[in-house]
Amino acid sequence: MLSIIWFVLITVLFVGFLFLEGFDYGVGMLVPFAGKDDKERRVVINSIGPFWDGNEVWLLTAGGAIFAAFPLWYAELFSKFYLALFLILVGLILRGVAFEFHSKSKNPKWRNCWDWAFCIGSFLPALLWGVAVANLIRGVSTDTGWLFFIKLLHPFCLLGGVVTFLLFLYHGACFLTLKVGDEAVLARAKKIALRTGIILVPVTVLWVVFTLFQTAILTKPLAIITVALAAVALLVSVFAQWKQKYGLAFVSVALMIVFVTVTVFAIMYPNVLIVRDGVSLTIEAASSSQYTLKIMTIVALIFTPIVLLYQIWNFWVYKKRVTSDPKDLVY
């Protein structure tokens, strides 16, 4: 029973990570495009300044939870997806370094270089998370080495990467419509959000249709319900963006990310790793001992509410829009 509870808790951790980090990736990718000069780009960067590192903690916690609760899942996941995860790590390092180094010099070339590094560092994980997730629900091969890597690049999985790239880009643009106060940046963010949303709808529909044939979603009632809710949330978001109801647009696309994440784990259940041409790894087979899970549960019950309260407080403190006022441009 505790193993199933921890499977659900890890789902919640990834929901929190993608819910929060999605707009971080999107804003990062938009830095060179939503801002046309250094001051405007700094407005974009500072819109996520107080949040980006805290949002990434959810990924670290999710990885640690998998390691402790499901060591066999961790071992299989990190060995099979080693190259993809390594590239994601490169992107995350680029993001972190770019964020901290951007304002170390006033040289325009220096700042432009780190702006693009921030963009590329955000693009890589935004794309590769989709490729990885699509492989998890489609099922991985028992092959090893380069042959396994090539099979990761199945058209269904590549399309999944395009979906997450567009989704996070749209999420970031929606965030900027609520967070920036510079009129020029705000106007561009609104335009990018609407255009990206319109492109995202048919691409997502195509991927969902592809999903019906590539995964076991039709045998998972919960997954069918959540993917339907995700589709509704996306349509509501794009419609709200068109009607200039920017708060509703942001909340709706955030809910879509939540529903998509739940769909992924619902398709995987009762497995933690689906294998297409072999034996899948189940929750029970991959879990730690009951004693370990019990201790982890007690720790999670104590510290999870504290982390949630801190993040809510953080968003509340920095709720005002970021302008080109030097007081707002810390980074």
Protein backbone atom coordinates (compact mmCIF):
# COMPACT_ATOMS: atom_id res chain seq x y z
CA MET A 1 0.00 0.00 0.00
CA LEU A 2 2.81 2.45 0.88
CA SER A 3 4.44 1.82 -2.49
CA ILE A 4 1.27 2.93 -4.27
CA ILE A 5 1.05 5.99 -2.00
CA TRP A 6 4.60 6.93 -2.97
CA PHE A 7 3.84 6.43 -6.64
CA VAL A 8 1.03 8.96 -6.17
CA LEU A 9 3.30 11.30 -4.19
CA ILE A 10 5.93 11.21 -6.94
CA THR A 11 3.16 12.05 -9.40
CA VAL A 12 2.33 15.07 -7.22
CA LEU A 13 5.99 16.12 -7.16
CA PHE A 14 6.19 16.03 -10.95
CA VAL A 15 2.89 17.90 -11.16
CA GLY A 16 4.41 20.61 -8.94
CA PHE A 17 7.63 20.67 -10.95
CA LEU A 18 6.00 20.96 -14.39
CA PHE A 19 3.28 23.30 -13.12
CA LEU A 20 5.90 25.74 -11.82
CA GLU A 21 8.89 25.08 -14.06
CA GLY A 22 6.81 25.12 -17.26
CA PHE A 23 6.51 28.89 -17.31
CA ASP A 24 10.17 29.19 -16.26
CA TYR A 25 11.23 27.31 -19.40
CA GLY A 26 8.82 29.36 -21.50
CA VAL A 27 10.07 32.69 -20.17
CA GLY A 28 13.67 31.57 -20.67
CA MET A 29 13.00 30.70 -24.32
CA LEU A 30 11.31 34.07 -24.84
CA VAL A 31 14.11 36.26 -23.45
CA PRO A 32 15.66 37.16 -26.86
CA PHE A 33 12.24 37.56 -28.51
CA ALA A 34 10.00 39.28 -25.95
CA GLY A 35 12.76 41.82 -25.21
CA LYS A 36 14.39 43.78 -28.03
CA ASP A 37 17.06 45.57 -26.01
CA ASP A 38 18.98 44.87 -22.82
CA LYS A 39 16.55 46.69 -20.53
CA GLU A 40 13.53 44.84 -21.94
CA ARG A 41 15.30 41.50 -21.71
CA ARG A 42 16.16 42.23 -18.10
CA VAL A 43 12.46 42.84 -17.46
CA VAL A 44 11.72 39.37 -18.88
CA ILE A 45 14.50 37.73 -16.84
CA ASN A 46 13.48 39.45 -13.62
CA SER A 47 9.88 38.28 -14.03
CA ILE A 48 11.04 34.83 -12.88
CA GLY A 49 14.01 36.00 -10.80
CA PRO A 50 12.54 35.21 -7.37
CA PHE A 51 11.03 31.87 -8.46
CA TRP A 52 13.17 29.90 -10.91
CA ASP A 53 15.58 28.20 -8.49
CA GLY A 54 12.80 27.33 -6.03
CA ASN A 55 10.76 25.81 -8.84
CA GLU A 56 13.62 23.49 -9.81
CA VAL A 57 13.75 22.10 -6.27
CA TRP A 58 10.64 20.08 -7.14
CA LEU A 59 12.65 18.15 -9.74
CA LEU A 60 15.45 17.43 -7.26
CA THR A 61 12.90 16.26 -4.70
CA ALA A 62 11.14 14.06 -7.26
CA GLY A 63 14.46 12.49 -8.28
CA GLY A 64 15.40 11.91 -4.64
CA ALA A 65 11.99 10.39 -3.92
CA ILE A 66 12.36 7.96 -6.83
CA PHE A 67 15.85 7.02 -5.61
CA ALA A 68 14.66 6.33 -2.07
CA ALA A 69 11.20 4.86 -2.72
CA PHE A 70 11.85 2.97 -5.97
CA PRO A 71 15.61 2.28 -6.30
CA LEU A 72 15.17 -0.18 -9.18
CA TRP A 73 13.09 2.36 -11.10
CA TYR A 74 15.77 4.98 -10.47
CA ALA A 75 18.51 2.63 -11.69
CA GLU A 76 16.63 1.65 -14.86
CA LEU A 77 15.47 5.17 -15.60
CA PHE A 78 18.84 6.85 -15.23
CA SER A 79 20.72 4.13 -17.10
CA LYS A 80 18.32 3.90 -20.06
CA PHE A 81 17.76 7.65 -20.38
CA TYR A 82 21.32 8.60 -19.49
CA LEU A 83 22.08 10.62 -22.62
CA ALA A 84 18.71 12.41 -22.66
CA LEU A 85 19.00 13.26 -18.95
CA PHE A 86 22.58 14.41 -19.49
CA LEU A 87 21.41 16.84 -22.19
CA ILE A 88 18.64 18.08 -19.87
CA LEU A 89 21.29 18.63 -17.18
CA VAL A 90 23.40 20.61 -19.67
CA GLY A 91 20.36 22.80 -20.34
CA LEU A 92 19.72 23.33 -16.63
CA ILE A 93 23.38 24.24 -16.05
CA LEU A 94 23.25 26.73 -18.93
CA ARG A 95 20.11 28.29 -17.44
CA GLY A 96 21.60 28.65 -13.99
CA VAL A 97 24.93 30.02 -15.16
CA ALA A 98 23.28 32.42 -17.63
CA PHE A 99 20.94 33.72 -14.95
CA GLU A 100 23.76 34.49 -12.55
CA PHE A 101 26.35 35.71 -15.09
CA HIS A 102 24.11 37.92 -17.22
CA SER A 103 24.52 41.05 -15.09
CA LYS A 104 28.19 40.55 -14.19
CA SER A 105 29.22 42.87 -17.01
CA LYS A 106 27.52 45.74 -18.86
CA ASN A 107 29.18 44.76 -22.14
CA PRO A 108 26.33 44.30 -24.69
CA LYS A 109 28.01 41.27 -26.31
CA TRP A 110 28.45 39.61 -22.92
CA ARG A 111 24.79 40.09 -22.02
CA ASN A 112 23.56 39.05 -25.47
CA CYS A 113 25.63 35.86 -25.24
CA TRP A 114 24.10 34.89 -21.89
CA ASP A 115 20.60 35.82 -23.08
CA TRP A 116 20.91 33.23 -25.85
CA ALA A 117 22.49 30.74 -23.46
CA PHE A 118 19.44 31.17 -21.22
CA CYS A 119 17.19 30.63 -24.25
CA ILE A 120 18.99 27.46 -25.39
CA GLY A 121 19.26 26.17 -21.81
CA SER A 122 15.49 26.51 -21.49
CA PHE A 123 14.75 25.02 -24.92
CA LEU A 124 16.70 21.79 -24.35
CA PRO A 125 14.77 20.52 -21.30
CA ALA A 126 11.46 21.84 -22.67
CA LEU A 127 11.91 19.63 -25.75
CA LEU A 128 13.62 16.65 -24.12
CA TRP A 129 11.13 16.25 -21.26
CA GLY A 130 8.47 15.66 -23.89
CA VAL A 131 10.60 13.09 -25.69
CA ALA A 132 11.31 11.29 -22.40
CA VAL A 133 7.67 11.33 -21.25
CA ALA A 134 6.45 10.02 -24.62
CA ASN A 135 8.92 7.13 -24.33
CA LEU A 136 7.74 6.35 -20.80
CA ILE A 137 4.10 5.95 -21.88
CA ARG A 138 4.92 4.22 -25.18
CA GLY A 139 7.36 1.83 -23.57
CA VAL A 140 11.12 1.52 -23.87
CA SER A 141 13.16 -1.06 -25.72
CA THR A 142 15.43 -3.69 -24.18
CA ASP A 143 18.19 -2.70 -26.60
CA THR A 144 21.28 -0.95 -25.31
CA GLY A 145 23.72 1.67 -26.55
CA TRP A 146 23.11 3.72 -29.67
CA LEU A 147 20.36 1.40 -30.90
CA PHE A 148 18.35 2.17 -27.76
CA PHE A 149 19.00 5.90 -28.20
CA ILE A 150 17.83 5.80 -31.83
CA LYS A 151 14.60 4.08 -30.76
CA LEU A 152 14.02 6.91 -28.29
CA LEU A 153 13.66 9.19 -31.31
CA HIS A 154 10.48 7.53 -32.57
CA PRO A 155 8.21 10.04 -34.44
CA PHE A 156 5.63 9.77 -31.64
CA CYS A 157 8.27 10.72 -29.07
CA LEU A 158 9.69 13.56 -31.17
CA LEU A 159 6.17 14.94 -31.58
CA GLY A 160 5.80 14.71 -27.79
CA GLY A 161 8.89 16.91 -27.51
CA VAL A 162 7.37 19.46 -29.89
CA VAL A 163 4.17 19.49 -27.80
CA THR A 164 6.00 20.17 -24.54
CA PHE A 165 8.17 22.82 -26.23
CA LEU A 166 5.07 24.66 -27.50
CA LEU A 167 3.20 24.09 -24.24
CA PHE A 168 5.95 25.56 -22.08
CA LEU A 169 6.48 28.41 -24.55
CA TYR A 170 2.77 29.22 -24.33
CA HIS A 171 2.81 28.86 -20.54
CA GLY A 172 5.73 31.28 -20.30
CA ALA A 173 4.07 33.82 -22.58
CA CYS A 174 0.88 33.62 -20.49
CA PHE A 175 2.96 34.21 -17.37
CA LEU A 176 4.56 37.30 -18.91
CA THR A 177 1.14 38.79 -19.70
CA LEU A 178 0.48 38.76 -15.95
CA LYS A 179 3.93 39.60 -14.65
CA VAL A 180 5.56 42.33 -16.76
CA GLY A 181 4.62 45.99 -16.60
CA ASP A 182 6.74 47.26 -19.51
CA GLU A 183 4.24 48.10 -22.28
CA ALA A 184 6.42 46.98 -25.20
CA VAL A 185 7.29 43.63 -23.59
CA LEU A 186 3.70 43.11 -22.53
CA ALA A 187 2.42 43.72 -26.07
CA ARG A 188 4.87 41.19 -27.51
CA ALA A 189 4.03 38.63 -24.82
CA LYS A 190 0.32 38.90 -25.61
CA LYS A 191 0.95 38.45 -29.32
CA ILE A 192 3.30 35.48 -28.80
CA ALA A 193 0.89 33.83 -26.37
CA LEU A 194 -2.05 33.97 -28.76
CA ARG A 195 -0.08 32.76 -31.78
CA THR A 196 1.61 29.96 -29.85
CA GLY A 197 -1.72 28.85 -28.37
CA ILE A 198 -3.32 28.67 -31.80
CA ILE A 199 -0.43 26.50 -33.07
CA LEU A 200 -0.43 24.36 -29.92
CA VAL A 201 -4.05 23.21 -30.31
CA PRO A 202 -3.75 21.22 -33.59
CA VAL A 203 -0.29 19.88 -32.69
CA THR A 204 -1.65 18.59 -29.36
CA VAL A 205 -4.69 17.04 -31.06
CA LEU A 206 -2.38 15.23 -33.48
CA TRP A 207 -0.25 13.91 -30.61
CA VAL A 208 -3.31 12.73 -28.65
CA VAL A 209 -4.56 10.82 -31.72
CA PHE A 210 -1.07 9.33 -32.06
CA THR A 211 -1.24 8.39 -28.37
CA LEU A 212 -4.35 6.26 -28.94
CA PHE A 213 -2.34 3.96 -31.21
CA GLN A 214 1.04 4.03 -29.45
CA THR A 215 0.05 3.56 -25.80
CA ALA A 216 -2.40 1.65 -23.61
CA ILE A 217 -4.43 4.77 -22.81
CA LEU A 218 -7.71 3.20 -23.97
CA THR A 219 -7.39 0.60 -21.20
CA LYS A 220 -6.88 3.27 -18.52
CA PRO A 221 -10.17 5.03 -17.56
CA LEU A 222 -8.45 7.66 -15.40
CA ALA A 223 -6.07 8.54 -18.23
CA ILE A 224 -8.97 8.98 -20.66
CA ILE A 225 -10.71 11.34 -18.22
CA THR A 226 -7.60 13.42 -17.50
CA VAL A 227 -6.58 13.73 -21.16
CA ALA A 228 -10.11 14.95 -21.94
CA LEU A 229 -9.85 17.49 -19.12
CA ALA A 230 -6.45 18.58 -20.46
CA ALA A 231 -7.96 19.18 -23.90
CA VAL A 232 -10.78 21.26 -22.41
CA ALA A 233 -8.32 23.26 -20.31
CA LEU A 234 -6.21 24.05 -23.40
CA LEU A 235 -9.21 25.19 -25.42
CA VAL A 236 -10.43 27.36 -22.53
CA SER A 237 -6.96 28.86 -22.17
CA VAL A 238 -6.57 29.79 -25.84
CA PHE A 239 -10.12 31.18 -25.98
CA ALA A 240 -9.45 33.23 -22.83
CA GLN A 241 -6.20 34.51 -24.36
CA TRP A 242 -8.14 35.60 -27.45
CA LYS A 243 -10.71 37.35 -25.24
CA GLN A 244 -7.87 39.03 -23.30
CA LYS A 245 -8.74 37.27 -20.04
CA TYR A 246 -5.11 36.66 -19.20
CA GLY A 247 -5.54 35.34 -15.68
CA LEU A 248 -7.95 32.64 -16.85
CA ALA A 249 -5.64 31.77 -19.74
CA PHE A 250 -2.70 31.21 -17.39
CA VAL A 251 -4.67 29.17 -14.86
CA SER A 252 -6.21 27.02 -17.60
CA VAL A 253 -2.90 26.14 -19.27
CA ALA A 254 -1.45 25.38 -15.82
CA LEU A 255 -4.35 23.00 -15.22
CA MET A 256 -3.67 21.40 -18.60
CA ILE A 257 -0.11 20.65 -17.48
CA VAL A 258 -1.48 19.11 -14.28
CA PHE A 259 -3.92 16.89 -16.19
CA VAL A 260 -1.28 15.83 -18.75
CA THR A 261 1.14 14.87 -15.97
CA VAL A 262 -1.53 12.81 -14.20
CA THR A 263 -2.36 11.18 -17.56
CA VAL A 264 1.25 10.06 -17.98
CA PHE A 265 1.37 8.37 -14.58
CA ALA A 266 -2.12 6.90 -15.05
CA ILE A 267 -0.98 5.26 -18.29
CA MET A 268 2.12 3.86 -16.57
CA TYR A 269 0.23 2.41 -13.57
CA PRO A 270 0.71 -0.30 -12.23
CA ASN A 271 4.18 -0.11 -13.76
CA VAL A 272 6.91 2.40 -13.16
CA LEU A 273 8.67 1.51 -16.41
CA ILE A 274 6.88 0.04 -19.42
CA VAL A 275 9.02 -2.24 -21.59
CA ARG A 276 7.72 -2.86 -25.12
CA ASP A 277 9.57 -6.07 -25.90
CA GLY A 278 10.15 -7.44 -22.41
CA VAL A 279 8.85 -7.55 -18.84
CA SER A 280 7.72 -4.18 -17.46
CA LEU A 281 8.91 -3.03 -14.04
CA THR A 282 5.97 -2.86 -11.62
CA ILE A 283 5.49 -0.59 -8.63
CA GLU A 284 5.77 -3.45 -6.15
CA ALA A 285 8.88 -4.94 -7.77
CA ALA A 286 10.70 -1.60 -7.83
CA SER A 287 9.82 -0.33 -4.35
CA SER A 288 11.98 -0.11 -1.24
CA SER A 289 11.20 -1.91 2.01
CA GLN A 290 8.07 -1.02 3.96
CA TYR A 291 10.17 0.40 6.78
CA THR A 292 11.96 2.79 4.39
CA LEU A 293 8.66 3.91 2.89
CA LYS A 294 7.17 4.43 6.35
CA ILE A 295 10.03 6.71 7.44
CA MET A 296 9.81 8.62 4.16
CA THR A 297 6.08 9.11 4.60
CA ILE A 298 6.54 10.64 8.06
CA VAL A 299 9.23 13.03 6.76
CA ALA A 300 7.07 14.00 3.76
CA LEU A 301 4.06 14.75 5.97
CA ILE A 302 6.19 17.13 8.05
CA PHE A 303 8.13 19.01 5.37
CA THR A 304 5.85 19.08 2.30
CA PRO A 305 3.39 21.59 3.86
CA ILE A 306 6.34 23.79 4.88
CA VAL A 307 7.69 23.86 1.32
CA LEU A 308 4.24 24.63 -0.08
CA LEU A 309 3.69 27.48 2.38
CA TYR A 310 7.10 28.94 1.54
CA GLN A 311 6.41 28.92 -2.19
CA ILE A 312 2.96 30.46 -1.74
CA TRP A 313 4.54 33.17 0.44
CA ASN A 314 7.25 33.75 -2.18
CA PHE A 315 4.73 34.29 -4.98
CA TRP A 316 2.68 36.57 -2.73
CA VAL A 317 5.65 38.77 -1.80
CA TYR A 318 6.73 39.17 -5.43
CA LYS A 319 3.25 39.45 -6.93
CA LYS A 320 3.61 42.91 -8.47
CA ARG A 321 4.48 43.41 -12.13
CA VAL A 322 8.11 43.90 -13.14
CA THR A 323 8.88 47.19 -14.90
CA SER A 324 12.00 48.79 -16.34
CA ASP A 325 12.47 50.65 -13.04
CA PRO A 326 16.04 49.96 -11.83
CA LYS A 327 14.61 48.86 -8.47
CA ASP A 328 12.90 45.94 -10.24
CA LEU A 329 15.92 44.89 -12.29
CA VAL A 330 17.97 42.96 -9.77
CA TYR A 331 19.36 40.46 -12.30
